[in-house]
Amino acid sequence: MHYLAHFYVDQQETDPLFIAGLGLPDWMDGFSKLYNQKLKNSTLSDSSDTFALHAGIRRHYEGDNLFHNHPIFVQLQSELLQSFVSVGLSRAKWRLSLLAHVGVELMIDRQIVNAEPKLSEVYYQKLNDVDPEVLKKYFEYHNVNVEQQDFLAKFHFFKMRKYLTLFNDINNIVTGLDKMYGQVLNKSFEKKEKE
């Protein structure tokens, strides 16, 4: 799932730290490796002020596991992959399976934005209510101080940019995929590939 889909599923949760935890694995490159090495078996107590953040992170992975293995998601990903191949996108140049995976996630977020236009604003308000000091405390507790700076910068940028509010325009989905690919593979779509 992607940012808004995670929130949509768990919107009954009101704790801003839990909501931030839902998005954290998608904000940080390589977070899954960090999670598996240092965070998955955290010894945080339920009474810790950072526990809600950790619970949100765990819920993110539980949701992804269910969602990414669901037959409808697998079918949509396969269909999108085939459409990329049929229009001539190169498997040698692009990681088309990843592109299809993220493309389906972005389209689901787009559907949520179109069906419930105010939900993304609620989501961003929850994120704005997060105390950055508690986020720092979480990273410090797990001794991941280098990653802390990366996360805090991306978290701030994500909140300021509010790019989910732009998903009603399909062209912004293509731009989102292009930027994601630029970060992962250090290359961008050519004009004809965007079309």
Protein backbone atom coordinates (compact mmCIF):
# COMPACT_ATOMS: atom_id res chain seq x y z
CA MET A 1 0.00 0.00 0.00
CA HIS A 2 0.98 3.60 -0.28
CA TYR A 3 0.65 6.52 2.12
CA LEU A 4 -3.00 7.37 1.86
CA ALA A 5 -4.16 3.76 1.50
CA HIS A 6 -2.47 2.91 4.82
CA PHE A 7 -4.22 5.84 6.46
CA TYR A 8 -7.54 5.02 4.79
CA VAL A 9 -7.48 1.50 6.22
CA ASP A 10 -6.49 2.67 9.71
CA GLN A 11 -8.17 6.08 9.84
CA GLN A 12 -9.98 5.12 13.04
CA GLU A 13 -6.59 5.49 14.74
CA THR A 14 -6.28 9.01 16.11
CA ASP A 15 -2.73 9.10 17.46
CA PRO A 16 -0.58 11.23 15.13
CA LEU A 17 2.47 9.11 15.98
CA PHE A 18 0.68 5.95 14.87
CA ILE A 19 -0.28 7.71 11.61
CA ALA A 20 3.36 8.80 11.11
CA GLY A 21 4.45 5.20 11.74
CA LEU A 22 2.16 4.03 8.94
CA GLY A 23 4.06 6.21 6.45
CA LEU A 24 7.59 5.99 7.81
CA PRO A 25 8.64 2.83 5.89
CA ASP A 26 7.71 4.51 2.60
CA TRP A 27 9.46 7.80 3.38
CA MET A 28 12.91 6.35 3.97
CA ASP A 29 14.94 4.54 1.33
CA GLY A 30 16.14 1.25 2.74
CA PHE A 31 13.87 1.40 5.77
CA SER A 32 12.88 -2.27 5.51
CA LYS A 33 16.50 -3.32 5.97
CA LEU A 34 16.82 -1.04 9.01
CA TYR A 35 13.53 -2.34 10.38
CA ASN A 36 14.56 -5.98 10.03
CA GLN A 37 18.01 -5.40 11.53
CA LYS A 38 17.24 -3.05 14.42
CA LEU A 39 13.59 -2.20 14.91
CA LYS A 40 11.44 -5.28 14.32
CA ASN A 41 12.16 -6.81 17.71
CA SER A 42 12.15 -3.54 19.61
CA THR A 43 11.93 -3.70 23.39
CA LEU A 44 9.88 -0.49 23.68
CA SER A 45 7.36 -0.70 26.48
CA ASP A 46 3.68 -0.08 25.80
CA SER A 47 3.87 2.99 28.03
CA SER A 48 6.66 4.65 26.03
CA ASP A 49 5.62 7.83 24.22
CA THR A 50 7.24 6.39 21.10
CA PHE A 51 5.31 3.11 21.24
CA ALA A 52 2.49 4.44 19.01
CA LEU A 53 5.06 5.26 16.31
CA HIS A 54 6.44 1.73 16.48
CA ALA A 55 2.91 0.25 16.43
CA GLY A 56 2.19 2.23 13.25
CA ILE A 57 5.36 0.92 11.63
CA ARG A 58 4.41 -2.65 12.49
CA ARG A 59 0.91 -2.07 11.14
CA HIS A 60 2.42 -0.77 7.89
CA TYR A 61 4.17 -4.09 7.33
CA GLU A 62 1.12 -6.12 8.34
CA GLY A 63 -0.99 -4.13 5.87
CA ASP A 64 1.58 -4.49 3.09
CA ASN A 65 1.78 -8.23 3.63
CA LEU A 66 -1.97 -8.66 3.30
CA PHE A 67 -2.40 -6.14 0.51
CA HIS A 68 0.49 -7.11 -1.76
CA ASN A 69 -0.52 -10.75 -1.68
CA HIS A 70 -4.19 -10.10 -2.37
CA PRO A 71 -5.30 -11.59 -5.73
CA ILE A 72 -6.76 -8.28 -6.93
CA PHE A 73 -3.51 -6.40 -6.29
CA VAL A 74 -1.48 -9.16 -7.96
CA GLN A 75 -3.82 -9.09 -10.97
CA LEU A 76 -3.70 -5.29 -11.30
CA GLN A 77 0.07 -5.29 -11.02
CA SER A 78 0.32 -7.96 -13.71
CA GLU A 79 -2.05 -6.07 -16.02
CA LEU A 80 -0.12 -2.82 -15.57
CA LEU A 81 3.17 -4.60 -16.20
CA GLN A 82 1.77 -6.04 -19.43
CA SER A 83 0.51 -2.62 -20.52
CA PHE A 84 4.01 -1.18 -20.01
CA VAL A 85 5.48 -3.95 -22.16
CA SER A 86 2.80 -3.54 -24.83
CA VAL A 87 3.56 0.19 -25.25
CA GLY A 88 7.25 -0.56 -25.64
CA LEU A 89 8.81 0.26 -22.27
CA SER A 90 12.08 -1.61 -22.09
CA ARG A 91 12.46 -4.34 -19.47
CA ALA A 92 16.23 -3.97 -19.85
CA LYS A 93 16.11 -0.25 -19.05
CA TRP A 94 13.38 -0.19 -16.37
CA ARG A 95 12.47 -2.36 -13.43
CA LEU A 96 8.96 -2.76 -14.80
CA SER A 97 7.73 -5.01 -11.99
CA LEU A 98 8.60 -2.32 -9.45
CA LEU A 99 7.12 0.35 -11.68
CA ALA A 100 3.86 -1.63 -11.97
CA HIS A 101 3.79 -2.28 -8.22
CA VAL A 102 4.20 1.38 -7.30
CA GLY A 103 1.92 2.44 -10.16
CA VAL A 104 -0.95 0.38 -8.74
CA GLU A 105 -0.31 1.82 -5.27
CA LEU A 106 -0.36 5.38 -6.60
CA MET A 107 -3.56 4.75 -8.55
CA ILE A 108 -5.24 3.42 -5.40
CA ASP A 109 -4.20 6.58 -3.54
CA ARG A 110 -5.58 8.56 -6.47
CA GLN A 111 -8.92 6.76 -6.18
CA ILE A 112 -9.05 7.59 -2.49
CA VAL A 113 -8.28 11.27 -3.20
CA ASN A 114 -11.04 11.38 -5.80
CA ALA A 115 -13.59 9.53 -3.63
CA GLU A 116 -12.80 11.40 -0.40
CA PRO A 117 -11.11 14.71 -1.30
CA LYS A 118 -10.84 15.92 2.32
CA LEU A 119 -9.13 12.78 3.60
CA SER A 120 -5.66 13.84 2.46
CA GLU A 121 -6.03 17.12 4.38
CA VAL A 122 -7.00 15.16 7.51
CA TYR A 123 -3.95 12.96 6.93
CA TYR A 124 -1.59 15.93 6.63
CA GLN A 125 -3.11 17.56 9.73
CA LYS A 126 -2.38 14.40 11.73
CA LEU A 127 1.21 14.48 10.49
CA ASN A 128 1.53 18.15 11.42
CA ASP A 129 0.47 17.24 14.97
CA VAL A 130 3.49 14.94 15.39
CA ASP A 131 6.09 16.20 17.87
CA PRO A 132 9.49 15.92 16.11
CA GLU A 133 11.17 15.43 19.49
CA VAL A 134 9.30 12.16 19.96
CA LEU A 135 10.47 11.02 16.52
CA LYS A 136 14.06 11.83 17.50
CA LYS A 137 13.61 9.95 20.75
CA TYR A 138 12.46 6.85 18.83
CA PHE A 139 15.54 6.85 16.59
CA GLU A 140 17.88 7.55 19.49
CA TYR A 141 16.38 4.70 21.53
CA HIS A 142 17.20 2.33 18.66
CA ASN A 143 20.62 3.90 18.06
CA VAL A 144 19.93 4.88 14.45
CA ASN A 145 21.00 8.51 14.58
CA VAL A 146 22.24 8.76 10.98
CA GLU A 147 18.89 7.54 9.66
CA GLN A 148 17.13 9.97 11.97
CA GLN A 149 18.39 12.99 10.03
CA ASP A 150 17.36 11.45 6.71
CA PHE A 151 13.89 10.64 7.98
CA LEU A 152 13.27 14.02 9.61
CA ALA A 153 14.24 15.82 6.41
CA LYS A 154 11.98 13.64 4.25
CA PHE A 155 9.14 13.82 6.75
CA HIS A 156 9.30 17.62 6.77
CA PHE A 157 9.44 17.77 2.95
CA PHE A 158 6.50 15.36 2.61
CA LYS A 159 4.37 17.46 4.98
CA MET A 160 5.26 20.73 3.27
CA ARG A 161 4.82 19.48 -0.29
CA LYS A 162 1.42 17.81 0.30
CA TYR A 163 1.80 15.99 -2.96
CA LEU A 164 -1.09 13.58 -2.26
CA THR A 165 -3.47 16.50 -2.77
CA LEU A 166 -2.28 16.59 -6.40
CA PHE A 167 -3.28 13.01 -7.19
CA ASN A 168 -6.60 13.99 -8.75
CA ASP A 169 -4.60 14.77 -11.91
CA ILE A 170 -3.33 11.59 -13.60
CA ASN A 171 -0.27 13.46 -14.92
CA ASN A 172 0.90 13.89 -11.35
CA ILE A 173 0.89 10.10 -10.95
CA VAL A 174 3.29 9.85 -13.90
CA THR A 175 5.43 12.59 -12.37
CA GLY A 176 5.42 10.70 -9.05
CA LEU A 177 6.57 7.49 -10.74
CA ASP A 178 9.26 9.42 -12.61
CA LYS A 179 10.60 11.01 -9.41
CA MET A 180 10.55 7.69 -7.58
CA TYR A 181 12.51 6.12 -10.40
CA GLY A 182 14.92 9.01 -10.39
CA GLN A 183 15.69 8.30 -6.73
CA VAL A 184 15.93 4.52 -7.10
CA LEU A 185 17.68 4.14 -10.47
CA ASN A 186 19.18 7.60 -11.06
CA LYS A 187 17.36 7.97 -14.38
CA SER A 188 14.22 9.66 -15.62
CA PHE A 189 11.57 8.85 -18.16
CA GLU A 190 11.99 10.31 -21.60
CA LYS A 191 9.07 12.37 -22.93
CA LYS A 192 7.75 9.53 -25.11
CA GLU A 193 7.87 7.13 -22.15
CA LYS A 194 5.77 9.49 -20.03
CA GLU A 195 3.08 9.55 -22.69
